[in-house]
Structure formats: structure tokens, C-alpha cells
Amino acid sequence: MKYICLGYYDEKKWETMSESERNALMDECFAYDDVLRKNSHFVGGEGLQSAQNATTLRWKNGKVSITDGPFAETKEQLGGILVLEARDLNHAIQLMSKHPGVKAGPFEIRPAEDLTATIRESERRRSKTKEE
């Protein structure tokens, strides 16, 4: 089963770390990602640029509203996404508990939703609409 792991970090704390501390943490994280890959648990992932580079879209008063920055002003910001293959949630927790990124901030782990049936149903409805 696939799990989406959202890694958060405190940007201000990150900025106070020395370059060697940041490099050491990143090296630990990438080394553990290699272990996950080797054992067929790492499906994919991406690091994210600073929340300062984010743009948030909202539906407001019947139209899209665009705001610079993250949706919520919080101390911890989303720093990356890791897609994990695990037997179940407990297995995903065990795997991510060993990830050095937990030192930088929390990881939120959510089961990925299988949308195959929902997509097929939507395609069926949309093809009916085109025929009419």
C-alpha cells in the first residue's frame, strides 16, 4: 500500500543551523532514502522550495483568489513529500520513524487514496455528457 509522507520543518531553525549541520542532516536523510529505495519502499519524493516561494489558490466569491505564500501562517512549513510503499500504517510508521528528517520536524503519514474506480465513473459520466 502507498503512503504519502509529508515532512515539515521550521525554516527559522534551519537558517540558524551551520552549513555543516545542514549538510550532515541532508546526507543522513539521503542515505536513509537510499536504504528505502534498496528495499523497494521508496516510490518517489520531492523536496520543496521555501514556503516564501509558494502561491495559494482559493475559491472565493465565485472566482479564484491568488495569495503569495502558504495557506496558513505556521512555524513549521511543508518541506518535502515522500511516497512510501509499506504493508500497512504500522509498517509505514516503523520505516519513517528511522528517517533522519524527523530530527528537522514532524512527518505526517497518510494512506494514498486509490481513485481508480472514481476516475472510471467520472469518465463514464463525462462520455455520456459528450454523447448527448
C-alpha atoms as a PDB file:
ATOM      1  CA  MET A   1       0.000   0.000   0.000  1.00  0.00           C
ATOM      2  CA  LYS A   2       1.200   3.525  -0.762  1.00  0.00           C
ATOM      3  CA  TYR A   3       1.597   6.167   1.929  1.00  0.00           C
ATOM      4  CA  ILE A   4       2.220   9.849   1.378  1.00  0.00           C
ATOM      5  CA  CYS A   5       4.665  11.212   3.939  1.00  0.00           C
ATOM      6  CA  LEU A   6       4.671  14.972   4.364  1.00  0.00           C
ATOM      7  CA  GLY A   7       7.813  16.273   6.018  1.00  0.00           C
ATOM      8  CA  TYR A   8       7.674  19.588   7.864  1.00  0.00           C
ATOM      9  CA  TYR A   9      10.439  21.798   9.201  1.00  0.00           C
ATOM     10  CA  ASP A  10      10.938  25.126  10.940  1.00  0.00           C
ATOM     11  CA  GLU A  11      12.569  27.463   8.394  1.00  0.00           C
ATOM     12  CA  LYS A  12      13.929  29.779  11.097  1.00  0.00           C
ATOM     13  CA  LYS A  13      15.533  26.846  12.929  1.00  0.00           C
ATOM     14  CA  TRP A  14      17.001  25.610   9.629  1.00  0.00           C
ATOM     15  CA  GLU A  15      18.529  29.041   8.985  1.00  0.00           C
ATOM     16  CA  THR A  16      20.216  29.026  12.419  1.00  0.00           C
ATOM     17  CA  MET A  17      21.955  25.713  11.714  1.00  0.00           C
ATOM     18  CA  SER A  18      25.520  25.875  10.419  1.00  0.00           C
ATOM     19  CA  GLU A  19      26.198  24.766   6.870  1.00  0.00           C
ATOM     20  CA  SER A  20      27.965  21.650   8.157  1.00  0.00           C
ATOM     21  CA  GLU A  21      24.957  20.786  10.377  1.00  0.00           C
ATOM     22  CA  ARG A  22      22.565  21.201   7.448  1.00  0.00           C
ATOM     23  CA  ASN A  23      24.818  19.149   5.159  1.00  0.00           C
ATOM     24  CA  ALA A  24      25.149  16.381   7.749  1.00  0.00           C
ATOM     25  CA  LEU A  25      21.371  16.168   8.200  1.00  0.00           C
ATOM     26  CA  MET A  26      20.736  16.153   4.441  1.00  0.00           C
ATOM     27  CA  ASP A  27      23.396  13.451   3.948  1.00  0.00           C
ATOM     28  CA  GLU A  28      21.714  11.314   6.641  1.00  0.00           C
ATOM     29  CA  CYS A  29      18.310  11.807   5.001  1.00  0.00           C
ATOM     30  CA  PHE A  30      19.552  10.896   1.520  1.00  0.00           C
ATOM     31  CA  ALA A  31      21.412   7.860   2.875  1.00  0.00           C
ATOM     32  CA  TYR A  32      18.211   6.603   4.521  1.00  0.00           C
ATOM     33  CA  ASP A  33      16.261   7.298   1.311  1.00  0.00           C
ATOM     34  CA  ASP A  34      18.800   5.027  -0.430  1.00  0.00           C
ATOM     35  CA  VAL A  35      18.026   2.280   2.131  1.00  0.00           C
ATOM     36  CA  LEU A  36      14.302   2.717   1.442  1.00  0.00           C
ATOM     37  CA  ARG A  37      14.973   2.503  -2.328  1.00  0.00           C
ATOM     38  CA  LYS A  38      17.141  -0.612  -1.939  1.00  0.00           C
ATOM     39  CA  ASN A  39      14.331  -2.332  -0.019  1.00  0.00           C
ATOM     40  CA  SER A  40      11.648  -1.234  -2.528  1.00  0.00           C
ATOM     41  CA  HIS A  41       9.875   1.096  -0.098  1.00  0.00           C
ATOM     42  CA  PHE A  42      10.771   4.425  -1.762  1.00  0.00           C
ATOM     43  CA  VAL A  43       8.252   5.083  -4.532  1.00  0.00           C
ATOM     44  CA  GLY A  44       9.140   8.740  -5.062  1.00  0.00           C
ATOM     45  CA  GLY A  45       9.528  12.076  -3.437  1.00  0.00           C
ATOM     46  CA  GLU A  46      10.415  15.707  -3.862  1.00  0.00           C
ATOM     47  CA  GLY A  47      11.872  18.410  -1.690  1.00  0.00           C
ATOM     48  CA  LEU A  48      10.092  21.737  -1.792  1.00  0.00           C
ATOM     49  CA  GLN A  49      11.458  25.245  -2.016  1.00  0.00           C
ATOM     50  CA  SER A  50      10.808  27.661   0.831  1.00  0.00           C
ATOM     51  CA  ALA A  51       7.202  28.467   1.713  1.00  0.00           C
ATOM     52  CA  GLN A  52       8.129  32.047   0.813  1.00  0.00           C
ATOM     53  CA  ASN A  53       8.061  30.880  -2.823  1.00  0.00           C
ATOM     54  CA  ALA A  54       4.576  29.368  -2.515  1.00  0.00           C
ATOM     55  CA  THR A  55       1.378  30.616  -4.093  1.00  0.00           C
ATOM     56  CA  THR A  56      -2.006  29.615  -2.686  1.00  0.00           C
ATOM     57  CA  LEU A  57      -5.184  29.437  -4.784  1.00  0.00           C
ATOM     58  CA  ARG A  58      -8.604  29.688  -3.135  1.00  0.00           C
ATOM     59  CA  TRP A  59     -12.137  29.758  -4.475  1.00  0.00           C
ATOM     60  CA  LYS A  60     -13.683  32.938  -3.100  1.00  0.00           C
ATOM     61  CA  ASN A  61     -16.832  34.773  -4.146  1.00  0.00           C
ATOM     62  CA  GLY A  62     -17.218  32.708  -7.309  1.00  0.00           C
ATOM     63  CA  LYS A  63     -13.653  33.122  -8.590  1.00  0.00           C
ATOM     64  CA  VAL A  64     -10.081  32.074  -7.928  1.00  0.00           C
ATOM     65  CA  SER A  65      -8.166  34.204  -5.474  1.00  0.00           C
ATOM     66  CA  ILE A  66      -4.344  34.076  -5.574  1.00  0.00           C
ATOM     67  CA  THR A  67      -2.235  34.740  -2.474  1.00  0.00           C
ATOM     68  CA  ASP A  68       1.536  34.724  -2.158  1.00  0.00           C
ATOM     69  CA  GLY A  69       2.870  32.354   0.465  1.00  0.00           C
ATOM     70  CA  PRO A  70       1.499  29.285   2.191  1.00  0.00           C
ATOM     71  CA  PHE A  71      -2.165  28.834   3.080  1.00  0.00           C
ATOM     72  CA  ALA A  72      -1.525  29.017   6.826  1.00  0.00           C
ATOM     73  CA  GLU A  73       0.955  31.058   8.779  1.00  0.00           C
ATOM     74  CA  THR A  74       2.590  28.438  10.955  1.00  0.00           C
ATOM     75  CA  LYS A  75       6.017  27.876  12.437  1.00  0.00           C
ATOM     76  CA  GLU A  76       6.512  24.601  10.572  1.00  0.00           C
ATOM     77  CA  GLN A  77       6.174  24.517   6.810  1.00  0.00           C
ATOM     78  CA  LEU A  78       5.931  21.635   4.373  1.00  0.00           C
ATOM     79  CA  GLY A  79       9.469  20.815   3.279  1.00  0.00           C
ATOM     80  CA  GLY A  80       9.031  17.699   1.183  1.00  0.00           C
ATOM     81  CA  ILE A  81       6.913  14.781   0.103  1.00  0.00           C
ATOM     82  CA  LEU A  82       7.936  11.136   0.150  1.00  0.00           C
ATOM     83  CA  VAL A  83       5.823   8.366  -1.360  1.00  0.00           C
ATOM     84  CA  LEU A  84       6.374   5.152   0.556  1.00  0.00           C
ATOM     85  CA  GLU A  85       5.378   1.557  -0.140  1.00  0.00           C
ATOM     86  CA  ALA A  86       4.554  -0.308   3.089  1.00  0.00           C
ATOM     87  CA  ARG A  87       2.470  -3.299   4.211  1.00  0.00           C
ATOM     88  CA  ASP A  88       0.246  -1.176   6.453  1.00  0.00           C
ATOM     89  CA  LEU A  89       0.262   2.004   8.536  1.00  0.00           C
ATOM     90  CA  ASN A  90       2.305   0.412  11.331  1.00  0.00           C
ATOM     91  CA  HIS A  91       4.968  -0.610   8.813  1.00  0.00           C
ATOM     92  CA  ALA A  92       4.985   2.928   7.352  1.00  0.00           C
ATOM     93  CA  ILE A  93       5.389   4.355  10.865  1.00  0.00           C
ATOM     94  CA  GLN A  94       8.272   1.965  11.580  1.00  0.00           C
ATOM     95  CA  LEU A  95      10.050   2.942   8.361  1.00  0.00           C
ATOM     96  CA  MET A  96       9.567   6.695   8.787  1.00  0.00           C
ATOM     97  CA  SER A  97      10.472   6.605  12.492  1.00  0.00           C
ATOM     98  CA  LYS A  98      14.019   5.788  11.382  1.00  0.00           C
ATOM     99  CA  HIS A  99      14.160   8.669   8.883  1.00  0.00           C
ATOM    100  CA  PRO A 100      16.668  11.331   9.989  1.00  0.00           C
ATOM    101  CA  GLY A 101      14.311  14.021   8.632  1.00  0.00           C
ATOM    102  CA  VAL A 102      12.225  13.564  11.785  1.00  0.00           C
ATOM    103  CA  LYS A 103      15.012  15.490  13.554  1.00  0.00           C
ATOM    104  CA  ALA A 104      14.139  18.557  11.471  1.00  0.00           C
ATOM    105  CA  GLY A 105      10.391  18.363  12.057  1.00  0.00           C
ATOM    106  CA  PRO A 106       7.358  16.119  12.056  1.00  0.00           C
ATOM    107  CA  PHE A 107       6.256  13.759   9.309  1.00  0.00           C
ATOM    108  CA  GLU A 108       2.565  13.347   8.569  1.00  0.00           C
ATOM    109  CA  ILE A 109       1.798   9.913   7.106  1.00  0.00           C
ATOM    110  CA  ARG A 110      -1.412   9.342   5.149  1.00  0.00           C
ATOM    111  CA  PRO A 111      -2.571   6.350   3.129  1.00  0.00           C
ATOM    112  CA  ALA A 112      -2.808   7.208  -0.552  1.00  0.00           C
ATOM    113  CA  GLU A 113      -6.358   7.039  -1.891  1.00  0.00           C
ATOM    114  CA  ASP A 114      -6.939   4.665  -4.800  1.00  0.00           C
ATOM    115  CA  LEU A 115      -9.032   6.764  -7.165  1.00  0.00           C
ATOM    116  CA  THR A 116      -9.190   4.209  -9.994  1.00  0.00           C
ATOM    117  CA  ALA A 117     -12.917   3.453  -9.594  1.00  0.00           C
ATOM    118  CA  THR A 118     -13.787   7.126  -9.063  1.00  0.00           C
ATOM    119  CA  ILE A 119     -11.886   8.126 -12.209  1.00  0.00           C
ATOM    120  CA  ARG A 120     -13.585   5.406 -14.269  1.00  0.00           C
ATOM    121  CA  GLU A 121     -17.003   6.529 -13.030  1.00  0.00           C
ATOM    122  CA  SER A 122     -16.189  10.146 -13.868  1.00  0.00           C
ATOM    123  CA  GLU A 123     -15.003   9.144 -17.343  1.00  0.00           C
ATOM    124  CA  ARG A 124     -18.267   7.235 -17.856  1.00  0.00           C
ATOM    125  CA  ARG A 125     -20.333  10.267 -16.789  1.00  0.00           C
ATOM    126  CA  ARG A 126     -18.304  12.642 -18.957  1.00  0.00           C
ATOM    127  CA  SER A 127     -18.528  10.407 -22.039  1.00  0.00           C
ATOM    128  CA  LYS A 128     -22.339  10.262 -21.587  1.00  0.00           C
ATOM    129  CA  THR A 129     -22.457  14.057 -21.488  1.00  0.00           C
ATOM    130  CA  LYS A 130     -20.479  14.300 -24.745  1.00  0.00           C
ATOM    131  CA  GLU A 131     -22.869  11.847 -26.466  1.00  0.00           C
ATOM    132  CA  GLU A 132     -25.955  13.879 -25.531  1.00  0.00           C
END
